[in-house]
């Protein structure tokens, strides 16, 4: 994302196969502390292979749970992630595509994983 010319935007596309997770472990980028973490607001624009019946699940939450939402998103929905950890799940049978658009004071993608789930990265 950072290898393209732009002033503030970071844009990427993600395809999550049916029955899988993406943006996992849950991670955040709401603190301006480079190079460890950069502050970026993020939007997800969803498309689903089965638009009439398909859905994805997205969770957004903070450490103190002042924000703790799990959303069932449908085709053409947009979700704003203003802060906190977030992750996406594609239920079995539904391939999920989303377009991520992020912006912040520094055009750098540095994330902090949720420590409760970071162990899942270990072999």
PDB file of N, CA and C in Angstrom:
ATOM      1  N   UNK A   1       0.812  -1.204   0.000  1.00  0.00           N
ATOM      2  CA  UNK A   1       0.000   0.000   0.000  1.00  0.00           C
ATOM      3  C   UNK A   1       0.852   1.263   0.000  1.00  0.00           C
ATOM      4  N   UNK A   2       1.963   1.235   0.705  1.00  0.00           N
ATOM      5  CA  UNK A   2       2.779   2.437   0.853  1.00  0.00           C
ATOM      6  C   UNK A   2       3.674   2.700  -0.353  1.00  0.00           C
ATOM      7  N   UNK A   3       3.720   1.771  -1.310  1.00  0.00           N
ATOM      8  CA  UNK A   3       4.613   1.933  -2.452  1.00  0.00           C
ATOM      9  C   UNK A   3       3.980   2.722  -3.599  1.00  0.00           C
ATOM     10  N   UNK A   4       2.781   3.220  -3.432  1.00  0.00           N
ATOM     11  CA  UNK A   4       2.094   4.014  -4.451  1.00  0.00           C
ATOM     12  C   UNK A   4       2.119   5.478  -4.055  1.00  0.00           C
ATOM     13  N   UNK A   5       2.142   6.360  -5.061  1.00  0.00           N
ATOM     14  CA  UNK A   5       2.127   7.792  -4.789  1.00  0.00           C
ATOM     15  C   UNK A   5       0.763   8.228  -4.264  1.00  0.00           C
ATOM     16  N   UNK A   6       0.766   8.835  -3.117  1.00  0.00           N
ATOM     17  CA  UNK A   6      -0.441   9.392  -2.514  1.00  0.00           C
ATOM     18  C   UNK A   6       0.006  10.251  -1.341  1.00  0.00           C
ATOM     19  N   UNK A   7      -0.866  11.173  -0.941  1.00  0.00           N
ATOM     20  CA  UNK A   7      -0.502  12.045   0.167  1.00  0.00           C
ATOM     21  C   UNK A   7      -0.910  11.474   1.514  1.00  0.00           C
ATOM     22  N   UNK A   8      -2.129  10.962   1.614  1.00  0.00           N
ATOM     23  CA  UNK A   8      -2.618  10.464   2.908  1.00  0.00           C
ATOM     24  C   UNK A   8      -3.281   9.091   2.831  1.00  0.00           C
ATOM     25  N   UNK A   9      -3.777   8.677   1.679  1.00  0.00           N
ATOM     26  CA  UNK A   9      -4.575   7.457   1.580  1.00  0.00           C
ATOM     27  C   UNK A   9      -3.725   6.200   1.444  1.00  0.00           C
ATOM     28  N   UNK A  10      -4.199   5.152   2.091  1.00  0.00           N
ATOM     29  CA  UNK A  10      -3.705   3.792   1.897  1.00  0.00           C
ATOM     30  C   UNK A  10      -4.915   2.971   1.460  1.00  0.00           C
ATOM     31  N   UNK A  11      -4.805   2.270   0.350  1.00  0.00           N
ATOM     32  CA  UNK A  11      -5.930   1.521  -0.211  1.00  0.00           C
ATOM     33  C   UNK A  11      -5.477   0.101  -0.524  1.00  0.00           C
ATOM     34  N   UNK A  12      -6.301  -0.875  -0.169  1.00  0.00           N
ATOM     35  CA  UNK A  12      -6.004  -2.260  -0.490  1.00  0.00           C
ATOM     36  C   UNK A  12      -7.305  -3.039  -0.661  1.00  0.00           C
ATOM     37  N   UNK A  13      -7.226  -4.133  -1.397  1.00  0.00           N
ATOM     38  CA  UNK A  13      -8.361  -5.029  -1.584  1.00  0.00           C
ATOM     39  C   UNK A  13      -8.054  -6.357  -0.894  1.00  0.00           C
ATOM     40  N   UNK A  14      -9.089  -6.953  -0.304  1.00  0.00           N
ATOM     41  CA  UNK A  14      -8.926  -8.228   0.394  1.00  0.00           C
ATOM     42  C   UNK A  14     -10.052  -9.165  -0.033  1.00  0.00           C
ATOM     43  N   UNK A  15      -9.695 -10.403  -0.344  1.00  0.00           N
ATOM     44  CA  UNK A  15     -10.679 -11.448  -0.593  1.00  0.00           C
ATOM     45  C   UNK A  15     -10.508 -12.486   0.508  1.00  0.00           C
ATOM     46  N   UNK A  16     -11.579 -12.730   1.248  1.00  0.00           N
ATOM     47  CA  UNK A  16     -11.552 -13.709   2.327  1.00  0.00           C
ATOM     48  C   UNK A  16     -12.334 -14.934   1.871  1.00  0.00           C
ATOM     49  N   UNK A  17     -11.670 -16.079   1.725  1.00  0.00           N
ATOM     50  CA  UNK A  17     -12.371 -17.286   1.284  1.00  0.00           C
ATOM     51  C   UNK A  17     -13.444 -17.709   2.291  1.00  0.00           C
ATOM     52  N   UNK A  18     -14.438 -18.399   1.789  1.00  0.00           N
ATOM     53  CA  UNK A  18     -15.521 -18.900   2.634  1.00  0.00           C
ATOM     54  C   UNK A  18     -14.956 -19.716   3.787  1.00  0.00           C
ATOM     55  N   UNK A  19     -15.463 -19.455   4.991  1.00  0.00           N
ATOM     56  CA  UNK A  19     -15.044 -20.184   6.174  1.00  0.00           C
ATOM     57  C   UNK A  19     -13.734 -19.712   6.787  1.00  0.00           C
ATOM     58  N   UNK A  20     -13.231 -18.565   6.356  1.00  0.00           N
ATOM     59  CA  UNK A  20     -11.952 -18.068   6.856  1.00  0.00           C
ATOM     60  C   UNK A  20     -12.098 -16.692   7.504  1.00  0.00           C
ATOM     61  N   UNK A  21     -11.017 -16.249   8.130  1.00  0.00           N
ATOM     62  CA  UNK A  21     -10.925 -14.940   8.759  1.00  0.00           C
ATOM     63  C   UNK A  21      -9.901 -14.102   8.013  1.00  0.00           C
ATOM     64  N   UNK A  22     -10.044 -12.792   8.086  1.00  0.00           N
ATOM     65  CA  UNK A  22      -9.000 -11.877   7.614  1.00  0.00           C
ATOM     66  C   UNK A  22      -8.859 -10.765   8.636  1.00  0.00           C
ATOM     67  N   UNK A  23      -7.812  -9.986   8.481  1.00  0.00           N
ATOM     68  CA  UNK A  23      -7.472  -8.989   9.502  1.00  0.00           C
ATOM     69  C   UNK A  23      -7.363  -9.678  10.863  1.00  0.00           C
ATOM     70  N   UNK A  24      -6.712 -10.840  10.863  1.00  0.00           N
ATOM     71  CA  UNK A  24      -6.582 -11.636  12.083  1.00  0.00           C
ATOM     72  C   UNK A  24      -5.117 -11.918  12.362  1.00  0.00           C
ATOM     73  N   UNK A  25      -4.673 -11.855  13.600  1.00  0.00           N
ATOM     74  CA  UNK A  25      -5.487 -11.582  14.777  1.00  0.00           C
ATOM     75  C   UNK A  25      -6.022 -10.154  14.740  1.00  0.00           C
ATOM     76  N   UNK A  26      -7.050  -9.890  15.548  1.00  0.00           N
ATOM     77  CA  UNK A  26      -7.552  -8.521  15.590  1.00  0.00           C
ATOM     78  C   UNK A  26      -6.408  -7.552  15.853  1.00  0.00           C
ATOM     79  N   UNK A  27      -6.421  -6.461  15.158  1.00  0.00           N
ATOM     80  CA  UNK A  27      -5.343  -5.479  15.267  1.00  0.00           C
ATOM     81  C   UNK A  27      -5.948  -4.083  15.305  1.00  0.00           C
ATOM     82  N   UNK A  28      -5.120  -3.120  15.672  1.00  0.00           N
ATOM     83  CA  UNK A  28      -5.567  -1.733  15.705  1.00  0.00           C
ATOM     84  C   UNK A  28      -4.478  -0.833  15.153  1.00  0.00           C
ATOM     85  N   UNK A  29      -4.891   0.360  14.778  1.00  0.00           N
ATOM     86  CA  UNK A  29      -3.955   1.399  14.331  1.00  0.00           C
ATOM     87  C   UNK A  29      -4.614   2.739  14.654  1.00  0.00           C
ATOM     88  N   UNK A  30      -4.721   2.998  15.962  1.00  0.00           N
ATOM     89  CA  UNK A  30      -5.394   4.223  16.406  1.00  0.00           C
ATOM     90  C   UNK A  30      -4.520   5.095  17.298  1.00  0.00           C
ATOM     91  N   UNK A  31      -3.238   4.772  17.367  1.00  0.00           N
ATOM     92  CA  UNK A  31      -2.295   5.524  18.186  1.00  0.00           C
ATOM     93  C   UNK A  31      -1.151   5.997  17.306  1.00  0.00           C
ATOM     94  N   UNK A  32      -0.823   7.285  17.402  1.00  0.00           N
ATOM     95  CA  UNK A  32       0.262   7.831  16.602  1.00  0.00           C
ATOM     96  C   UNK A  32       1.583   7.606  17.337  1.00  0.00           C
ATOM     97  N   UNK A  33       2.214   6.449  17.091  1.00  0.00           N
ATOM     98  CA  UNK A  33       3.449   6.069  17.762  1.00  0.00           C
ATOM     99  C   UNK A  33       4.350   5.287  16.790  1.00  0.00           C
ATOM    100  N   UNK A  34       4.710   5.920  15.648  1.00  0.00           N
ATOM    101  CA  UNK A  34       5.551   5.196  14.690  1.00  0.00           C
ATOM    102  C   UNK A  34       6.941   4.954  15.256  1.00  0.00           C
ATOM    103  N   UNK A  35       7.586   3.877  14.930  1.00  0.00           N
ATOM    104  CA  UNK A  35       7.182   2.896  13.917  1.00  0.00           C
ATOM    105  C   UNK A  35       6.339   1.758  14.475  1.00  0.00           C
ATOM    106  N   UNK A  36       6.029   1.776  15.775  1.00  0.00           N
ATOM    107  CA  UNK A  36       5.253   0.683  16.374  1.00  0.00           C
ATOM    108  C   UNK A  36       3.806   0.668  15.908  1.00  0.00           C
ATOM    109  N   UNK A  37       3.185   1.836  15.822  1.00  0.00           N
ATOM    110  CA  UNK A  37       1.768   1.912  15.441  1.00  0.00           C
ATOM    111  C   UNK A  37       1.520   3.294  14.864  1.00  0.00           C
ATOM    112  N   UNK A  38       0.672   3.343  13.838  1.00  0.00           N
ATOM    113  CA  UNK A  38       0.297   4.626  13.251  1.00  0.00           C
ATOM    114  C   UNK A  38      -1.211   4.811  13.338  1.00  0.00           C
ATOM    115  N   UNK A  39      -1.628   6.051  13.458  1.00  0.00           N
ATOM    116  CA  UNK A  39      -3.041   6.390  13.602  1.00  0.00           C
ATOM    117  C   UNK A  39      -3.677   6.464  12.221  1.00  0.00           C
ATOM    118  N   UNK A  40      -4.624   5.555  11.970  1.00  0.00           N
ATOM    119  CA  UNK A  40      -5.330   5.512  10.695  1.00  0.00           C
ATOM    120  C   UNK A  40      -6.793   5.195  10.940  1.00  0.00           C
ATOM    121  N   UNK A  41      -7.687   6.031  10.433  1.00  0.00           N
ATOM    122  CA  UNK A  41      -9.095   5.657  10.374  1.00  0.00           C
ATOM    123  C   UNK A  41      -9.256   4.769   9.154  1.00  0.00           C
ATOM    124  N   UNK A  42     -10.252   3.886   9.198  1.00  0.00           N
ATOM    125  CA  UNK A  42     -10.378   2.904   8.126  1.00  0.00           C
ATOM    126  C   UNK A  42     -11.840   2.672   7.776  1.00  0.00           C
ATOM    127  N   UNK A  43     -12.100   2.491   6.495  1.00  0.00           N
ATOM    128  CA  UNK A  43     -13.426   2.063   6.046  1.00  0.00           C
ATOM    129  C   UNK A  43     -13.294   0.742   5.306  1.00  0.00           C
ATOM    130  N   UNK A  44     -14.331  -0.058   5.414  1.00  0.00           N
ATOM    131  CA  UNK A  44     -14.451  -1.317   4.688  1.00  0.00           C
ATOM    132  C   UNK A  44     -15.674  -1.195   3.782  1.00  0.00           C
ATOM    133  N   UNK A  45     -15.507  -1.423   2.492  1.00  0.00           N
ATOM    134  CA  UNK A  45     -16.627  -1.486   1.540  1.00  0.00           C
ATOM    135  C   UNK A  45     -16.746  -2.943   1.109  1.00  0.00           C
ATOM    136  N   UNK A  46     -17.882  -3.562   1.406  1.00  0.00           N
ATOM    137  CA  UNK A  46     -18.067  -4.995   1.210  1.00  0.00           C
ATOM    138  C   UNK A  46     -18.797  -5.333  -0.088  1.00  0.00           C
ATOM    139  N   UNK A  47     -18.337  -6.428  -0.700  1.00  0.00           N
ATOM    140  CA  UNK A  47     -19.052  -7.065  -1.802  1.00  0.00           C
ATOM    141  C   UNK A  47     -19.055  -8.562  -1.491  1.00  0.00           C
ATOM    142  N   UNK A  48     -20.161  -9.210  -1.815  1.00  0.00           N
ATOM    143  CA  UNK A  48     -20.292 -10.637  -1.550  1.00  0.00           C
ATOM    144  C   UNK A  48     -20.676 -11.385  -2.819  1.00  0.00           C
ATOM    145  N   UNK A  49     -20.119 -12.583  -2.970  1.00  0.00           N
ATOM    146  CA  UNK A  49     -20.400 -13.392  -4.148  1.00  0.00           C
ATOM    147  C   UNK A  49     -21.886 -13.749  -4.225  1.00  0.00           C
ATOM    148  N   UNK A  50     -22.522 -13.946  -3.087  1.00  0.00           N
ATOM    149  CA  UNK A  50     -23.957 -14.245  -3.007  1.00  0.00           C
ATOM    150  C   UNK A  50     -24.667 -13.032  -2.403  1.00  0.00           C
ATOM    151  N   UNK A  51     -24.883 -11.966  -3.188  1.00  0.00           N
ATOM    152  CA  UNK A  51     -25.364 -10.707  -2.596  1.00  0.00           C
ATOM    153  C   UNK A  51     -26.765 -10.763  -1.990  1.00  0.00           C
ATOM    154  N   UNK A  52     -27.621 -11.679  -2.446  1.00  0.00           N
ATOM    155  CA  UNK A  52     -28.990 -11.709  -1.934  1.00  0.00           C
ATOM    156  C   UNK A  52     -29.110 -12.368  -0.566  1.00  0.00           C
ATOM    157  N   UNK A  53     -28.153 -13.235  -0.233  1.00  0.00           N
ATOM    158  CA  UNK A  53     -28.279 -13.936   1.042  1.00  0.00           C
ATOM    159  C   UNK A  53     -26.994 -13.965   1.853  1.00  0.00           C
ATOM    160  N   UNK A  54     -25.880 -13.608   1.257  1.00  0.00           N
ATOM    161  CA  UNK A  54     -24.587 -13.681   1.933  1.00  0.00           C
ATOM    162  C   UNK A  54     -24.388 -12.590   2.969  1.00  0.00           C
ATOM    163  N   UNK A  55     -23.441 -12.833   3.863  1.00  0.00           N
ATOM    164  CA  UNK A  55     -23.078 -11.850   4.871  1.00  0.00           C
ATOM    165  C   UNK A  55     -21.669 -12.155   5.361  1.00  0.00           C
ATOM    166  N   UNK A  56     -21.089 -11.197   6.030  1.00  0.00           N
ATOM    167  CA  UNK A  56     -19.812 -11.363   6.730  1.00  0.00           C
ATOM    168  C   UNK A  56     -20.016 -10.841   8.139  1.00  0.00           C
ATOM    169  N   UNK A  57     -19.106 -11.178   9.020  1.00  0.00           N
ATOM    170  CA  UNK A  57     -19.136 -10.644  10.378  1.00  0.00           C
ATOM    171  C   UNK A  57     -17.896  -9.801  10.587  1.00  0.00           C
ATOM    172  N   UNK A  58     -18.091  -8.624  11.185  1.00  0.00           N
ATOM    173  CA  UNK A  58     -16.960  -7.775  11.533  1.00  0.00           C
ATOM    174  C   UNK A  58     -17.107  -7.365  12.985  1.00  0.00           C
ATOM    175  N   UNK A  59     -16.011  -7.480  13.709  1.00  0.00           N
ATOM    176  CA  UNK A  59     -15.995  -7.044  15.105  1.00  0.00           C
ATOM    177  C   UNK A  59     -15.044  -5.876  15.241  1.00  0.00           C
ATOM    178  N   UNK A  60     -15.463  -4.867  16.003  1.00  0.00           N
ATOM    179  CA  UNK A  60     -14.656  -3.683  16.308  1.00  0.00           C
ATOM    180  C   UNK A  60     -14.776  -3.457  17.809  1.00  0.00           C
ATOM    181  N   UNK A  61     -13.612  -3.358  18.523  1.00  0.00           N
ATOM    182  CA  UNK A  61     -13.676  -3.197  19.975  1.00  0.00           C
ATOM    183  C   UNK A  61     -12.408  -2.535  20.489  1.00  0.00           C
ATOM    184  N   UNK A  62     -12.535  -1.916  21.641  1.00  0.00           N
ATOM    185  CA  UNK A  62     -11.393  -1.289  22.312  1.00  0.00           C
ATOM    186  C   UNK A  62     -11.038  -2.100  23.561  1.00  0.00           C
ATOM    187  N   UNK A  63      -9.845  -1.839  24.109  1.00  0.00           N
ATOM    188  CA  UNK A  63      -9.414  -2.545  25.321  1.00  0.00           C
ATOM    189  C   UNK A  63     -10.415  -2.401  26.452  1.00  0.00           C
ATOM    190  N   UNK A  64     -10.944  -1.199  26.640  1.00  0.00           N
ATOM    191  CA  UNK A  64     -11.867  -0.955  27.752  1.00  0.00           C
ATOM    192  C   UNK A  64     -13.320  -1.283  27.411  1.00  0.00           C
ATOM    193  N   UNK A  65     -13.559  -1.758  26.204  1.00  0.00           N
ATOM    194  CA  UNK A  65     -14.892  -2.151  25.690  1.00  0.00           C
ATOM    195  C   UNK A  65     -15.881  -0.988  25.638  1.00  0.00           C
ATOM    196  N   UNK A  66     -15.374   0.262  25.641  1.00  0.00           N
ATOM    197  CA  UNK A  66     -16.277   1.397  25.428  1.00  0.00           C
ATOM    198  C   UNK A  66     -16.828   1.364  23.993  1.00  0.00           C
ATOM    199  N   UNK A  67     -16.116   0.690  23.124  1.00  0.00           N
ATOM    200  CA  UNK A  67     -16.598   0.361  21.782  1.00  0.00           C
ATOM    201  C   UNK A  67     -16.461  -1.142  21.655  1.00  0.00           C
ATOM    202  N   UNK A  68     -17.570  -1.828  21.432  1.00  0.00           N
ATOM    203  CA  UNK A  68     -17.563  -3.285  21.301  1.00  0.00           C
ATOM    204  C   UNK A  68     -18.765  -3.682  20.462  1.00  0.00           C
ATOM    205  N   UNK A  69     -18.565  -3.756  19.163  1.00  0.00           N
ATOM    206  CA  UNK A  69     -19.654  -4.045  18.226  1.00  0.00           C
ATOM    207  C   UNK A  69     -19.288  -5.215  17.331  1.00  0.00           C
ATOM    208  N   UNK A  70     -20.239  -6.098  17.117  1.00  0.00           N
ATOM    209  CA  UNK A  70     -20.113  -7.154  16.119  1.00  0.00           C
ATOM    210  C   UNK A  70     -21.236  -6.930  15.126  1.00  0.00           C
ATOM    211  N   UNK A  71     -20.856  -6.768  13.861  1.00  0.00           N
ATOM    212  CA  UNK A  71     -21.803  -6.395  12.820  1.00  0.00           C
ATOM    213  C   UNK A  71     -21.971  -7.510  11.803  1.00  0.00           C
ATOM    214  N   UNK A  72     -23.200  -7.742  11.365  1.00  0.00           N
ATOM    215  CA  UNK A  72     -23.467  -8.605  10.223  1.00  0.00           C
ATOM    216  C   UNK A  72     -23.553  -7.668   9.023  1.00  0.00           C
ATOM    217  N   UNK A  73     -22.566  -7.750   8.135  1.00  0.00           N
ATOM    218  CA  UNK A  73     -22.527  -6.853   6.985  1.00  0.00           C
ATOM    219  C   UNK A  73     -22.989  -7.586   5.741  1.00  0.00           C
ATOM    220  N   UNK A  74     -23.640  -6.846   4.855  1.00  0.00           N
ATOM    221  CA  UNK A  74     -24.186  -7.402   3.621  1.00  0.00           C
ATOM    222  C   UNK A  74     -23.490  -6.764   2.430  1.00  0.00           C
ATOM    223  N   UNK A  75     -23.850  -7.223   1.250  1.00  0.00           N
ATOM    224  CA  UNK A  75     -23.283  -6.703   0.011  1.00  0.00           C
ATOM    225  C   UNK A  75     -23.508  -5.198  -0.088  1.00  0.00           C
ATOM    226  N   UNK A  76     -22.465  -4.461  -0.399  1.00  0.00           N
ATOM    227  CA  UNK A  76     -22.440  -3.011  -0.592  1.00  0.00           C
ATOM    228  C   UNK A  76     -22.509  -2.207   0.715  1.00  0.00           C
ATOM    229  N   UNK A  77     -22.379  -2.864   1.868  1.00  0.00           N
ATOM    230  CA  UNK A  77     -22.307  -2.139   3.137  1.00  0.00           C
ATOM    231  C   UNK A  77     -20.929  -1.507   3.301  1.00  0.00           C
ATOM    232  N   UNK A  78     -20.892  -0.409   4.065  1.00  0.00           N
ATOM    233  CA  UNK A  78     -19.640   0.257   4.424  1.00  0.00           C
ATOM    234  C   UNK A  78     -19.568   0.314   5.946  1.00  0.00           C
ATOM    235  N   UNK A  79     -18.417  -0.037   6.483  1.00  0.00           N
ATOM    236  CA  UNK A  79     -18.195   0.011   7.932  1.00  0.00           C
ATOM    237  C   UNK A  79     -17.022   0.959   8.198  1.00  0.00           C
ATOM    238  N   UNK A  80     -17.207   1.888   9.116  1.00  0.00           N
ATOM    239  CA  UNK A  80     -16.142   2.779   9.557  1.00  0.00           C
ATOM    240  C   UNK A  80     -15.527   2.208  10.826  1.00  0.00           C
ATOM    241  N   UNK A  81     -14.201   2.119  10.842  1.00  0.00           N
ATOM    242  CA  UNK A  81     -13.469   1.718  12.045  1.00  0.00           C
ATOM    243  C   UNK A  81     -12.733   2.957  12.539  1.00  0.00           C
ATOM    244  N   UNK A  82     -13.342   3.685  13.501  1.00  0.00           N
ATOM    245  CA  UNK A  82     -12.724   4.923  13.968  1.00  0.00           C
ATOM    246  C   UNK A  82     -11.560   4.686  14.925  1.00  0.00           C
ATOM    247  N   UNK A  83     -11.591   3.534  15.632  1.00  0.00           N
ATOM    248  CA  UNK A  83     -10.546   3.200  16.600  1.00  0.00           C
ATOM    249  C   UNK A  83     -10.763   1.747  17.019  1.00  0.00           C
ATOM    250  N   UNK A  84      -9.777   1.210  17.700  1.00  0.00           N
ATOM    251  CA  UNK A  84      -9.921  -0.119  18.287  1.00  0.00           C
ATOM    252  C   UNK A  84      -9.483  -1.255  17.382  1.00  0.00           C
ATOM    253  N   UNK A  85      -9.506  -2.438  17.963  1.00  0.00           N
ATOM    254  CA  UNK A  85      -9.166  -3.673  17.261  1.00  0.00           C
ATOM    255  C   UNK A  85     -10.306  -4.051  16.330  1.00  0.00           C
ATOM    256  N   UNK A  86      -9.959  -4.742  15.255  1.00  0.00           N
ATOM    257  CA  UNK A  86     -10.989  -5.169  14.314  1.00  0.00           C
ATOM    258  C   UNK A  86     -10.549  -6.408  13.555  1.00  0.00           C
ATOM    259  N   UNK A  87     -11.539  -7.193  13.128  1.00  0.00           N
ATOM    260  CA  UNK A  87     -11.330  -8.428  12.394  1.00  0.00           C
ATOM    261  C   UNK A  87     -12.574  -8.740  11.580  1.00  0.00           C
ATOM    262  N   UNK A  88     -12.429  -9.618  10.580  1.00  0.00           N
ATOM    263  CA  UNK A  88     -13.520  -9.978   9.668  1.00  0.00           C
ATOM    264  C   UNK A  88     -13.586 -11.492   9.543  1.00  0.00           C
ATOM    265  N   UNK A  89     -14.807 -12.018   9.469  1.00  0.00           N
ATOM    266  CA  UNK A  89     -15.023 -13.444   9.276  1.00  0.00           C
ATOM    267  C   UNK A  89     -15.967 -13.657   8.095  1.00  0.00           C
ATOM    268  N   UNK A  90     -15.601 -14.601   7.213  1.00  0.00           N
ATOM    269  CA  UNK A  90     -16.456 -15.004   6.094  1.00  0.00           C
ATOM    270  C   UNK A  90     -17.078 -16.358   6.453  1.00  0.00           C
ATOM    271  N   UNK A  91     -18.371 -16.416   6.654  1.00  0.00           N
ATOM    272  CA  UNK A  91     -18.996 -17.691   7.016  1.00  0.00           C
ATOM    273  C   UNK A  91     -18.827 -18.738   5.910  1.00  0.00           C
ATOM    274  N   UNK A  92     -18.915 -20.011   6.264  1.00  0.00           N
ATOM    275  CA  UNK A  92     -18.858 -21.052   5.245  1.00  0.00           C
ATOM    276  C   UNK A  92     -19.887 -20.782   4.140  1.00  0.00           C
ATOM    277  N   UNK A  93     -19.452 -20.929   2.912  1.00  0.00           N
ATOM    278  CA  UNK A  93     -20.351 -20.733   1.771  1.00  0.00           C
ATOM    279  C   UNK A  93     -20.336 -19.340   1.176  1.00  0.00           C
ATOM    280  N   UNK A  94     -19.691 -18.374   1.839  1.00  0.00           N
ATOM    281  CA  UNK A  94     -19.733 -16.991   1.375  1.00  0.00           C
ATOM    282  C   UNK A  94     -18.332 -16.400   1.227  1.00  0.00           C
ATOM    283  N   UNK A  95     -17.942 -16.144   0.001  1.00  0.00           N
ATOM    284  CA  UNK A  95     -16.677 -15.474  -0.280  1.00  0.00           C
ATOM    285  C   UNK A  95     -16.896 -13.982  -0.074  1.00  0.00           C
ATOM    286  N   UNK A  96     -16.015 -13.345   0.674  1.00  0.00           N
ATOM    287  CA  UNK A  96     -16.177 -11.937   1.040  1.00  0.00           C
ATOM    288  C   UNK A  96     -15.026 -11.114   0.456  1.00  0.00           C
ATOM    289  N   UNK A  97     -15.388 -10.048  -0.231  1.00  0.00           N
ATOM    290  CA  UNK A  97     -14.420  -9.075  -0.749  1.00  0.00           C
ATOM    291  C   UNK A  97     -14.636  -7.781   0.011  1.00  0.00           C
ATOM    292  N   UNK A  98     -13.544  -7.098   0.355  1.00  0.00           N
ATOM    293  CA  UNK A  98     -13.702  -5.736   0.852  1.00  0.00           C
ATOM    294  C   UNK A  98     -12.575  -4.861   0.356  1.00  0.00           C
ATOM    295  N   UNK A  99     -12.924  -3.606   0.158  1.00  0.00           N
ATOM    296  CA  UNK A  99     -11.987  -2.561  -0.215  1.00  0.00           C
ATOM    297  C   UNK A  99     -11.712  -1.762   1.046  1.00  0.00           C
ATOM    298  N   UNK A 100     -10.453  -1.707   1.459  1.00  0.00           N
ATOM    299  CA  UNK A 100     -10.043  -0.915   2.619  1.00  0.00           C
ATOM    300  C   UNK A 100      -9.513   0.426   2.149  1.00  0.00           C
ATOM    301  N   UNK A 101      -9.981   1.471   2.778  1.00  0.00           N
ATOM    302  CA  UNK A 101      -9.419   2.802   2.556  1.00  0.00           C
ATOM    303  C   UNK A 101      -9.073   3.352   3.929  1.00  0.00           C
ATOM    304  N   UNK A 102      -7.796   3.705   4.116  1.00  0.00           N
ATOM    305  CA  UNK A 102      -7.307   4.222   5.396  1.00  0.00           C
ATOM    306  C   UNK A 102      -6.648   5.575   5.177  1.00  0.00           C
ATOM    307  N   UNK A 103      -6.724   6.415   6.193  1.00  0.00           N
ATOM    308  CA  UNK A 103      -6.067   7.722   6.128  1.00  0.00           C
ATOM    309  C   UNK A 103      -5.744   8.181   7.537  1.00  0.00           C
ATOM    310  N   UNK A 104      -4.633   8.927   7.650  1.00  0.00           N
ATOM    311  CA  UNK A 104      -4.227   9.465   8.941  1.00  0.00           C
ATOM    312  C   UNK A 104      -3.113  10.470   8.771  1.00  0.00           C
ATOM    313  N   UNK A 105      -2.588  10.961   9.879  1.00  0.00           N
ATOM    314  CA  UNK A 105      -1.549  11.986   9.807  1.00  0.00           C
ATOM    315  C   UNK A 105      -0.249  11.496   9.185  1.00  0.00           C
ATOM    316  N   UNK A 106       0.028  10.184   9.287  1.00  0.00           N
ATOM    317  CA  UNK A 106       1.225   9.598   8.696  1.00  0.00           C
ATOM    318  C   UNK A 106       0.787   8.508   7.729  1.00  0.00           C
ATOM    319  N   UNK A 107       1.283   8.564   6.506  1.00  0.00           N
ATOM    320  CA  UNK A 107       0.909   7.555   5.511  1.00  0.00           C
ATOM    321  C   UNK A 107       1.811   6.330   5.653  1.00  0.00           C
ATOM    322  N   UNK A 108       1.550   5.611   6.746  1.00  0.00           N
ATOM    323  CA  UNK A 108       2.314   4.397   7.052  1.00  0.00           C
ATOM    324  C   UNK A 108       1.389   3.440   7.772  1.00  0.00           C
ATOM    325  N   UNK A 109       1.426   2.174   7.396  1.00  0.00           N
ATOM    326  CA  UNK A 109       0.579   1.157   8.008  1.00  0.00           C
ATOM    327  C   UNK A 109       1.398   0.376   9.018  1.00  0.00           C
ATOM    328  N   UNK A 110       1.263   0.753  10.290  1.00  0.00           N
ATOM    329  CA  UNK A 110       1.906   0.032  11.386  1.00  0.00           C
ATOM    330  C   UNK A 110       0.821  -0.314  12.390  1.00  0.00           C
ATOM    331  N   UNK A 111       0.706  -1.600  12.715  1.00  0.00           N
ATOM    332  CA  UNK A 111      -0.414  -2.072  13.525  1.00  0.00           C
ATOM    333  C   UNK A 111       0.057  -2.659  14.849  1.00  0.00           C
ATOM    334  N   UNK A 112      -0.881  -2.727  15.797  1.00  0.00           N
ATOM    335  CA  UNK A 112      -0.665  -3.409  17.076  1.00  0.00           C
ATOM    336  C   UNK A 112      -1.718  -4.508  17.185  1.00  0.00           C
ATOM    337  N   UNK A 113      -1.268  -5.750  17.299  1.00  0.00           N
ATOM    338  CA  UNK A 113      -2.199  -6.864  17.453  1.00  0.00           C
ATOM    339  C   UNK A 113      -2.765  -6.894  18.866  1.00  0.00           C
ATOM    340  N   UNK A 114      -3.983  -7.416  18.993  1.00  0.00           N
ATOM    341  CA  UNK A 114      -4.567  -7.621  20.312  1.00  0.00           C
ATOM    342  C   UNK A 114      -3.710  -8.660  21.034  1.00  0.00           C
ATOM    343  N   UNK A 115      -3.103  -8.288  22.166  1.00  0.00           N
ATOM    344  CA  UNK A 115      -2.232  -9.234  22.872  1.00  0.00           C
ATOM    345  C   UNK A 115      -2.931 -10.533  23.265  1.00  0.00           C
ATOM    346  N   UNK A 116      -4.243 -10.487  23.481  1.00  0.00           N
ATOM    347  CA  UNK A 116      -4.979 -11.699  23.854  1.00  0.00           C
ATOM    348  C   UNK A 116      -4.991 -12.735  22.731  1.00  0.00           C
ATOM    349  N   UNK A 117      -4.792 -12.294  21.488  1.00  0.00           N
ATOM    350  CA  UNK A 117      -4.881 -13.213  20.344  1.00  0.00           C
ATOM    351  C   UNK A 117      -3.585 -13.309  19.551  1.00  0.00           C
ATOM    352  N   UNK A 118      -2.578 -12.560  19.941  1.00  0.00           N
ATOM    353  CA  UNK A 118      -1.330 -12.552  19.187  1.00  0.00           C
ATOM    354  C   UNK A 118      -0.633 -13.923  19.198  1.00  0.00           C
ATOM    355  N   UNK A 119      -0.896 -14.732  20.198  1.00  0.00           N
ATOM    356  CA  UNK A 119      -0.296 -16.053  20.278  1.00  0.00           C
ATOM    357  C   UNK A 119      -0.635 -16.899  19.054  1.00  0.00           C
ATOM    358  N   UNK A 120      -1.737 -16.599  18.370  1.00  0.00           N
ATOM    359  CA  UNK A 120      -2.139 -17.385  17.206  1.00  0.00           C
ATOM    360  C   UNK A 120      -1.160 -17.245  16.042  1.00  0.00           C
ATOM    361  N   UNK A 121      -0.256 -16.286  16.109  1.00  0.00           N
ATOM    362  CA  UNK A 121       0.757 -16.105  15.063  1.00  0.00           C
ATOM    363  C   UNK A 121       1.937 -17.053  15.246  1.00  0.00           C
ATOM    364  N   UNK A 122       2.038 -17.694  16.409  1.00  0.00           N
ATOM    365  CA  UNK A 122       3.162 -18.596  16.688  1.00  0.00           C
ATOM    366  C   UNK A 122       2.951 -19.928  15.976  1.00  0.00           C
ATOM    367  N   UNK A 123       4.055 -20.502  15.449  1.00  0.00           N
ATOM    368  CA  UNK A 123       3.918 -21.800  14.753  1.00  0.00           C
ATOM    369  C   UNK A 123       3.600 -22.928  15.725  1.00  0.00           C
TER     370      UNK A 123
END
